[in-house]
N, C-alpha and C. Protein backbone atom coordinates (compact mmCIF):
# COMPACT_ATOMS: atom_id res chain seq x y z
N UNK A 1 -22.59 -43.40 -39.55
CA UNK A 1 -22.41 -41.65 -39.38
C UNK A 1 -22.06 -42.29 -37.56
N UNK A 2 -21.14 -41.61 -37.24
CA UNK A 2 -21.15 -41.62 -35.50
C UNK A 2 -21.52 -40.34 -35.05
N UNK A 3 -22.12 -40.66 -33.43
CA UNK A 3 -22.77 -38.73 -32.75
C UNK A 3 -21.88 -39.08 -31.84
N UNK A 4 -21.12 -38.04 -31.70
CA UNK A 4 -20.51 -38.20 -30.20
C UNK A 4 -21.17 -37.07 -29.70
N UNK A 5 -21.56 -37.21 -28.46
CA UNK A 5 -21.95 -35.72 -27.40
C UNK A 5 -21.01 -35.12 -26.80
N UNK A 6 -20.90 -33.81 -26.74
CA UNK A 6 -20.02 -33.10 -25.47
C UNK A 6 -20.59 -33.68 -24.19
N UNK A 7 -19.85 -33.91 -23.57
CA UNK A 7 -20.39 -33.84 -22.42
C UNK A 7 -19.48 -33.24 -20.87
N UNK A 8 -19.90 -32.68 -20.14
CA UNK A 8 -18.76 -31.89 -18.76
C UNK A 8 -19.04 -32.72 -17.64
N UNK A 9 -17.28 -33.42 -16.91
CA UNK A 9 -17.11 -34.24 -16.21
C UNK A 9 -17.70 -33.74 -15.32
N UNK A 10 -18.80 -33.90 -13.94
CA UNK A 10 -18.13 -33.62 -12.85
C UNK A 10 -18.19 -34.23 -12.02
N UNK A 11 -17.51 -35.85 -11.93
CA UNK A 11 -16.83 -36.67 -10.69
C UNK A 11 -15.82 -37.72 -11.93
N UNK A 12 -15.03 -37.78 -11.12
CA UNK A 12 -14.21 -39.52 -11.75
C UNK A 12 -13.56 -39.91 -10.40
N UNK A 13 -13.95 -41.31 -10.72
CA UNK A 13 -13.74 -42.42 -10.22
C UNK A 13 -13.25 -43.59 -10.62
N UNK A 14 -11.67 -43.55 -10.92
CA UNK A 14 -11.11 -44.50 -11.79
C UNK A 14 -11.38 -44.33 -13.24
N UNK A 15 -11.82 -45.21 -13.64
CA UNK A 15 -12.09 -45.09 -15.32
C UNK A 15 -13.54 -44.74 -15.48
N UNK A 16 -14.24 -44.11 -14.55
CA UNK A 16 -15.68 -43.83 -14.84
C UNK A 16 -15.87 -42.46 -14.01
N UNK A 17 -16.74 -41.79 -15.25
CA UNK A 17 -16.75 -40.33 -14.77
C UNK A 17 -18.41 -39.98 -14.98
N UNK A 18 -18.91 -39.00 -13.95
CA UNK A 18 -19.63 -38.87 -13.89
C UNK A 18 -20.10 -37.20 -15.06
N UNK A 19 -21.25 -37.09 -15.96
CA UNK A 19 -21.15 -36.34 -16.63
C UNK A 19 -22.10 -35.75 -16.85
N UNK A 20 -22.34 -34.57 -17.44
CA UNK A 20 -23.72 -34.25 -17.73
C UNK A 20 -23.86 -33.25 -18.63
N UNK A 21 -25.03 -33.03 -19.84
CA UNK A 21 -25.22 -32.06 -20.70
C UNK A 21 -26.27 -31.84 -20.98
N UNK A 22 -26.59 -30.25 -20.91
CA UNK A 22 -28.14 -29.44 -20.94
C UNK A 22 -28.64 -30.26 -19.66
N UNK A 23 -28.83 -30.82 -18.17
CA UNK A 23 -29.40 -31.23 -18.09
C UNK A 23 -29.20 -32.74 -17.49
N UNK A 24 -28.70 -33.31 -18.65
CA UNK A 24 -28.76 -34.92 -18.85
C UNK A 24 -27.43 -35.70 -18.04
N UNK A 25 -27.58 -36.60 -17.02
CA UNK A 25 -26.90 -37.39 -16.25
C UNK A 25 -26.30 -38.06 -16.73
N UNK A 26 -24.72 -39.05 -17.13
CA UNK A 26 -24.67 -40.13 -17.51
C UNK A 26 -23.54 -40.41 -16.92
N UNK A 27 -22.98 -42.28 -16.59
CA UNK A 27 -22.04 -42.49 -15.99
C UNK A 27 -21.24 -42.80 -17.76
N UNK A 28 -20.00 -42.24 -17.79
CA UNK A 28 -19.09 -42.46 -19.09
C UNK A 28 -17.68 -43.10 -18.51
N UNK A 29 -17.59 -44.19 -19.17
CA UNK A 29 -16.28 -44.86 -19.03
C UNK A 29 -15.57 -44.05 -19.46
N UNK A 30 -13.81 -43.74 -18.85
CA UNK A 30 -12.72 -43.13 -19.51
C UNK A 30 -11.95 -43.92 -19.46
N UNK A 31 -11.67 -45.28 -20.13
CA UNK A 31 -10.79 -46.07 -20.35
C UNK A 31 -9.68 -45.78 -21.72
N UNK A 32 -11.01 -45.60 -22.61
CA UNK A 32 -10.30 -44.94 -23.69
C UNK A 32 -9.32 -44.07 -23.90
N UNK A 33 -9.69 -42.93 -22.86
CA UNK A 33 -8.24 -41.66 -22.90
C UNK A 33 -8.13 -42.18 -21.37
N UNK A 34 -7.24 -43.00 -21.09
CA UNK A 34 -6.91 -43.25 -19.63
C UNK A 34 -5.28 -42.31 -20.08
N UNK A 35 -4.95 -42.30 -20.73
CA UNK A 35 -3.03 -41.49 -21.03
C UNK A 35 -3.59 -39.71 -20.86
N UNK A 36 -5.10 -39.63 -20.86
CA UNK A 36 -5.37 -38.14 -21.14
C UNK A 36 -5.53 -37.63 -19.39
N UNK A 37 -4.81 -36.48 -18.99
CA UNK A 37 -5.13 -35.40 -18.12
C UNK A 37 -6.81 -35.39 -17.95
N UNK A 38 -7.69 -35.45 -17.09
CA UNK A 38 -9.12 -35.35 -17.27
C UNK A 38 -8.92 -35.08 -15.74
N UNK A 39 -10.10 -33.94 -15.78
CA UNK A 39 -10.32 -33.43 -14.22
C UNK A 39 -11.84 -32.96 -14.59
N UNK A 40 -12.34 -33.16 -13.37
CA UNK A 40 -13.84 -32.60 -13.46
C UNK A 40 -13.67 -30.80 -13.59
N UNK A 41 -15.10 -31.10 -14.65
CA UNK A 41 -14.57 -29.36 -15.51
C UNK A 41 -14.66 -29.13 -16.75
N UNK A 42 -13.45 -30.44 -16.83
CA UNK A 42 -13.62 -30.79 -18.31
C UNK A 42 -14.47 -31.29 -19.26
N UNK A 43 -14.48 -30.76 -20.22
CA UNK A 43 -15.66 -31.14 -21.20
C UNK A 43 -14.55 -32.92 -22.34
N UNK A 44 -15.67 -33.52 -22.48
CA UNK A 44 -15.60 -34.91 -23.41
C UNK A 44 -16.02 -35.00 -24.48
N UNK A 45 -16.25 -35.88 -25.29
CA UNK A 45 -16.70 -36.27 -26.46
C UNK A 45 -17.84 -37.64 -26.08
N UNK A 46 -18.57 -37.81 -26.13
CA UNK A 46 -18.80 -39.17 -25.43
C UNK A 46 -19.48 -39.76 -26.81
N UNK A 47 -19.14 -41.15 -26.96
CA UNK A 47 -20.31 -41.79 -27.73
C UNK A 47 -20.00 -43.42 -27.17
N UNK A 48 -21.39 -43.53 -27.35
CA UNK A 48 -22.10 -45.10 -27.11
C UNK A 48 -21.54 -45.14 -25.24
N UNK A 49 -21.22 -44.65 -24.79
CA UNK A 49 -20.90 -44.49 -23.02
C UNK A 49 -19.54 -44.21 -22.66
N UNK A 50 -18.43 -43.85 -23.79
CA UNK A 50 -17.60 -43.85 -23.67
C UNK A 50 -16.81 -42.38 -24.26
N UNK A 51 -16.09 -41.73 -23.59
CA UNK A 51 -15.19 -40.34 -23.81
C UNK A 51 -14.22 -40.84 -24.49
N UNK A 52 -14.45 -40.30 -25.52
CA UNK A 52 -12.91 -40.70 -27.14
C UNK A 52 -12.74 -39.32 -26.86
N UNK A 53 -12.12 -38.17 -26.89
CA UNK A 53 -11.79 -37.12 -27.27
C UNK A 53 -12.03 -35.64 -26.12
N UNK A 54 -11.07 -35.69 -25.72
CA UNK A 54 -11.30 -33.98 -24.43
C UNK A 54 -11.60 -33.04 -25.57
N UNK A 55 -12.30 -31.75 -25.49
CA UNK A 55 -12.49 -30.76 -26.39
C UNK A 55 -12.96 -29.40 -25.32
N UNK A 56 -12.98 -28.28 -25.96
CA UNK A 56 -12.78 -27.23 -25.28
C UNK A 56 -14.30 -26.87 -25.16
N UNK A 57 -14.20 -25.95 -24.09
CA UNK A 57 -15.52 -25.65 -23.76
C UNK A 57 -16.20 -25.16 -25.24
N UNK A 58 -15.59 -23.99 -26.20
CA UNK A 58 -15.72 -23.55 -26.41
C UNK A 58 -16.64 -24.43 -27.76
N UNK A 59 -15.93 -25.77 -27.91
CA UNK A 59 -16.42 -26.19 -28.84
C UNK A 59 -17.37 -27.35 -28.47
N UNK A 60 -17.82 -27.68 -27.44
CA UNK A 60 -18.72 -27.99 -27.04
C UNK A 60 -20.17 -27.45 -26.49
N UNK A 61 -19.82 -26.41 -26.38
CA UNK A 61 -21.16 -25.38 -26.73
C UNK A 61 -21.43 -24.95 -27.78
N UNK A 62 -20.45 -24.92 -28.92
CA UNK A 62 -20.70 -24.78 -29.98
C UNK A 62 -21.00 -26.23 -30.70
N UNK A 63 -21.26 -27.09 -30.30
CA UNK A 63 -21.83 -28.21 -30.55
C UNK A 63 -23.74 -28.66 -30.50
N UNK A 64 -23.84 -27.75 -28.82
CA UNK A 64 -24.68 -28.18 -28.54
C UNK A 64 -25.57 -26.97 -29.47
N UNK A 65 -25.52 -25.76 -29.37
CA UNK A 65 -25.80 -24.52 -30.40
C UNK A 65 -26.52 -25.49 -31.79
N UNK A 66 -25.75 -26.40 -31.96
CA UNK A 66 -25.68 -27.07 -33.28
C UNK A 66 -27.23 -28.01 -33.18
N UNK A 67 -26.98 -28.76 -32.41
CA UNK A 67 -28.09 -29.46 -32.29
C UNK A 67 -29.28 -29.20 -31.66
N UNK A 68 -29.31 -28.30 -30.92
CA UNK A 68 -30.55 -27.39 -30.60
C UNK A 68 -31.08 -27.02 -31.94
N UNK A 69 -30.37 -26.48 -32.86
CA UNK A 69 -30.66 -26.01 -34.30
C UNK A 69 -31.47 -27.27 -35.20
N UNK A 70 -31.09 -28.15 -34.99
CA UNK A 70 -31.24 -29.70 -35.68
C UNK A 70 -33.11 -29.86 -35.11
N UNK A 71 -32.90 -30.04 -33.43
CA UNK A 71 -33.86 -29.94 -33.32
C UNK A 71 -35.17 -28.99 -33.79
N UNK A 72 -34.54 -27.83 -33.39
CA UNK A 72 -35.98 -27.18 -33.73
C UNK A 72 -36.58 -27.00 -34.98
N UNK A 73 -35.25 -27.53 -36.29
CA UNK A 73 -35.97 -27.19 -37.51
C UNK A 73 -37.33 -28.54 -37.41
N UNK A 74 -36.39 -29.62 -37.32
CA UNK A 74 -37.15 -30.83 -36.54
C UNK A 74 -38.48 -30.58 -36.39
N UNK A 75 -39.01 -30.14 -35.00
CA UNK A 75 -39.83 -29.24 -34.52
C UNK A 75 -40.83 -28.23 -35.37
N UNK A 76 -40.30 -27.82 -36.29
CA UNK A 76 -40.98 -26.76 -36.54
C UNK A 76 -41.22 -27.97 -38.57
N UNK A 77 -41.22 -28.83 -38.38
CA UNK A 77 -41.51 -29.81 -39.79
C UNK A 77 -40.79 -29.55 -40.74
N UNK A 78 -39.19 -29.48 -40.30
CA UNK A 78 -38.32 -29.30 -41.57
C UNK A 78 -38.19 -30.40 -41.78
N UNK A 79 -36.53 -30.60 -42.03
CA UNK A 79 -35.45 -32.09 -42.51
C UNK A 79 -35.95 -33.37 -41.83
N UNK A 80 -36.36 -34.19 -42.14
CA UNK A 80 -36.23 -34.97 -41.13
C UNK A 80 -35.15 -36.36 -40.99
């Protein structure tokens, strides 16, 4: 299973971008999306340090809500 994390681009420098998600900042490689029109403010799905897909803000927020729910259930002793 692969896990992609939605992140928002805050700055772009060539094939590298600074991205943020829920207060966490990371350097993300944009090489796999070199044909996509990306700009600060856009949301991307990040897997192992690479942006692999542009997504909407609604999709990003929906994913974050699902991740938060999984963490909440785990903290309450639910599924491991």
